[in-house]
Amino acid sequence: MLSTTTKVKLGAKGVRGAISHPGMVRAGAKGGMAMGRMAAKVAMPIAKRRARRRIGSIAETARDIGQTLVTYGPEAAVNLGLIEAPKRKRTAPKVAAGAVLGAGAMYFLEPEHGKQHREKVAQLVS
């Protein structure tokens, strides 16, 4: 590592050189600007790629949060007391009615013996 006095001496030499050769300073400045432009052209695609990756990971995180809210949101709202729990629907009577209706349809609309069954029921009813 350089000491402070050495750094000061090197800086002074550089200033003296710049004063005695101003054309070199101008050339260095132009070269520096060109290097800056080139570095920007090289760095921009890399920066864009990194930004796209970050945005992609943010989008995945947002999607995961959304799915979690959709899945567990209503249950959490009920548990926190924000909304009332929906009343339970009684499905057993509906299932039983559907089973009876389906069995009756099969009994009366059976291709081989359905006509006989319908005639027998008509005879019992009348």
Protein backbone atom coordinates (compact mmCIF):
# COMPACT_ATOMS: atom_id res chain seq x y z
CA MET A 1 0.00 0.00 0.00
CA LEU A 2 1.16 3.51 -0.73
CA SER A 3 1.69 6.00 2.05
CA THR A 4 -0.05 9.36 2.04
CA THR A 5 3.13 11.25 1.18
CA THR A 6 3.83 8.99 -1.78
CA LYS A 7 0.29 9.54 -3.07
CA VAL A 8 0.71 13.29 -2.79
CA LYS A 9 4.02 13.18 -4.68
CA LEU A 10 2.51 11.05 -7.48
CA GLY A 11 -0.46 13.42 -7.76
CA ALA A 12 1.86 16.42 -8.00
CA LYS A 13 3.86 14.75 -10.76
CA GLY A 14 0.66 14.04 -12.66
CA VAL A 15 -0.48 17.66 -12.39
CA ARG A 16 2.93 18.92 -13.56
CA GLY A 17 2.77 16.53 -16.53
CA ALA A 18 -0.74 17.71 -17.40
CA ILE A 19 0.38 21.34 -17.29
CA SER A 20 3.39 20.74 -19.51
CA HIS A 21 1.50 18.51 -22.04
CA PRO A 22 -2.13 19.74 -22.34
CA GLY A 23 -2.65 17.83 -25.60
CA MET A 24 -2.15 14.54 -23.75
CA VAL A 25 -4.84 15.55 -21.27
CA ARG A 26 -7.29 16.23 -24.14
CA ALA A 27 -6.45 12.92 -25.80
CA GLY A 28 -6.91 11.11 -22.50
CA ALA A 29 -10.27 12.78 -21.98
CA LYS A 30 -11.44 11.81 -25.49
CA GLY A 31 -10.23 8.27 -24.97
CA GLY A 32 -11.99 8.17 -21.63
CA MET A 33 -15.26 9.29 -23.22
CA ALA A 34 -14.96 6.65 -25.94
CA MET A 35 -14.25 4.00 -23.32
CA GLY A 36 -17.30 5.17 -21.37
CA ARG A 37 -19.54 4.86 -24.44
CA MET A 38 -18.19 1.40 -25.21
CA ALA A 39 -18.64 0.29 -21.61
CA ALA A 40 -22.24 1.53 -21.68
CA LYS A 41 -22.95 -0.39 -24.89
CA VAL A 42 -21.50 -3.55 -23.39
CA ALA A 43 -23.16 -3.11 -20.00
CA MET A 44 -26.69 -2.30 -21.18
CA PRO A 45 -27.63 -5.80 -22.42
CA ILE A 46 -26.29 -7.29 -19.22
CA ALA A 47 -28.28 -4.83 -17.10
CA LYS A 48 -31.43 -5.50 -19.13
CA ARG A 49 -31.01 -9.26 -18.73
CA ARG A 50 -30.57 -8.92 -14.97
CA ALA A 51 -33.64 -6.68 -14.74
CA ARG A 52 -35.73 -9.21 -16.70
CA ARG A 53 -34.62 -11.99 -14.36
CA ARG A 54 -35.51 -9.91 -11.31
CA ILE A 55 -38.91 -9.02 -12.75
CA GLY A 56 -39.51 -12.70 -13.56
CA SER A 57 -38.76 -13.74 -9.99
CA ILE A 58 -40.99 -10.95 -8.67
CA ALA A 59 -43.80 -12.13 -10.96
CA GLU A 60 -43.42 -15.71 -9.70
CA THR A 61 -43.55 -14.50 -6.12
CA ALA A 62 -46.67 -12.43 -6.81
CA ARG A 63 -48.31 -15.41 -8.49
CA ASP A 64 -47.53 -17.62 -5.49
CA ILE A 65 -48.94 -15.04 -3.10
CA GLY A 66 -52.08 -14.74 -5.21
CA GLN A 67 -52.62 -18.49 -5.27
CA THR A 68 -52.12 -18.68 -1.51
CA LEU A 69 -54.65 -15.89 -0.96
CA VAL A 70 -57.19 -17.58 -3.21
CA THR A 71 -56.69 -20.90 -1.44
CA TYR A 72 -56.52 -19.83 2.18
CA GLY A 73 -58.03 -16.32 2.09
CA PRO A 74 -61.68 -17.20 2.78
CA GLU A 75 -60.78 -19.59 5.59
CA ALA A 76 -58.49 -17.00 7.18
CA ALA A 77 -61.20 -14.32 6.91
CA VAL A 78 -63.67 -16.58 8.72
CA ASN A 79 -61.12 -17.44 11.42
CA LEU A 80 -60.31 -13.76 11.96
CA GLY A 81 -64.00 -12.91 12.22
CA LEU A 82 -64.00 -10.60 9.21
CA ILE A 83 -66.88 -12.47 7.56
CA GLU A 84 -69.46 -15.01 8.68
CA ALA A 85 -68.97 -18.64 7.82
CA PRO A 86 -71.39 -19.81 5.13
CA LYS A 87 -74.18 -22.09 6.32
CA ARG A 88 -73.69 -25.74 5.56
CA LYS A 89 -75.89 -27.01 2.80
CA ARG A 90 -77.76 -30.26 3.36
CA THR A 91 -76.93 -32.40 0.34
CA ALA A 92 -78.17 -35.80 1.56
CA PRO A 93 -81.85 -35.20 0.59
CA LYS A 94 -80.79 -34.01 -2.86
CA VAL A 95 -78.58 -37.06 -3.39
CA ALA A 96 -81.35 -39.41 -2.24
CA ALA A 97 -83.88 -37.76 -4.55
CA GLY A 98 -81.46 -38.05 -7.47
CA ALA A 99 -80.86 -41.73 -6.75
CA VAL A 100 -84.62 -42.48 -6.59
CA LEU A 101 -85.25 -40.55 -9.80
CA GLY A 102 -82.42 -42.35 -11.61
CA ALA A 103 -83.55 -45.78 -10.39
CA GLY A 104 -87.14 -45.06 -11.44
CA ALA A 105 -86.00 -43.95 -14.88
CA MET A 106 -83.95 -47.10 -15.33
CA TYR A 107 -86.88 -49.25 -14.17
CA PHE A 108 -89.39 -47.72 -16.58
CA LEU A 109 -87.12 -46.98 -19.55
CA GLU A 110 -85.21 -50.26 -19.68
CA PRO A 111 -85.19 -51.48 -23.32
CA GLU A 112 -86.12 -55.15 -22.68
CA HIS A 113 -88.63 -55.05 -19.81
CA GLY A 114 -89.51 -51.37 -19.46
CA LYS A 115 -92.80 -51.70 -21.34
CA GLN A 116 -93.92 -54.55 -19.09
CA HIS A 117 -93.02 -52.53 -15.97
CA ARG A 118 -94.96 -49.48 -17.20
CA GLU A 119 -98.02 -51.62 -18.01
CA LYS A 120 -97.91 -53.27 -14.59
CA VAL A 121 -97.68 -49.93 -12.77
CA ALA A 122 -100.51 -48.52 -14.92
CA GLN A 123 -102.63 -51.56 -14.04
CA LEU A 124 -101.90 -51.14 -10.29
CA VAL A 125 -102.68 -47.41 -10.34
CA SER A 126 -105.97 -47.69 -12.24
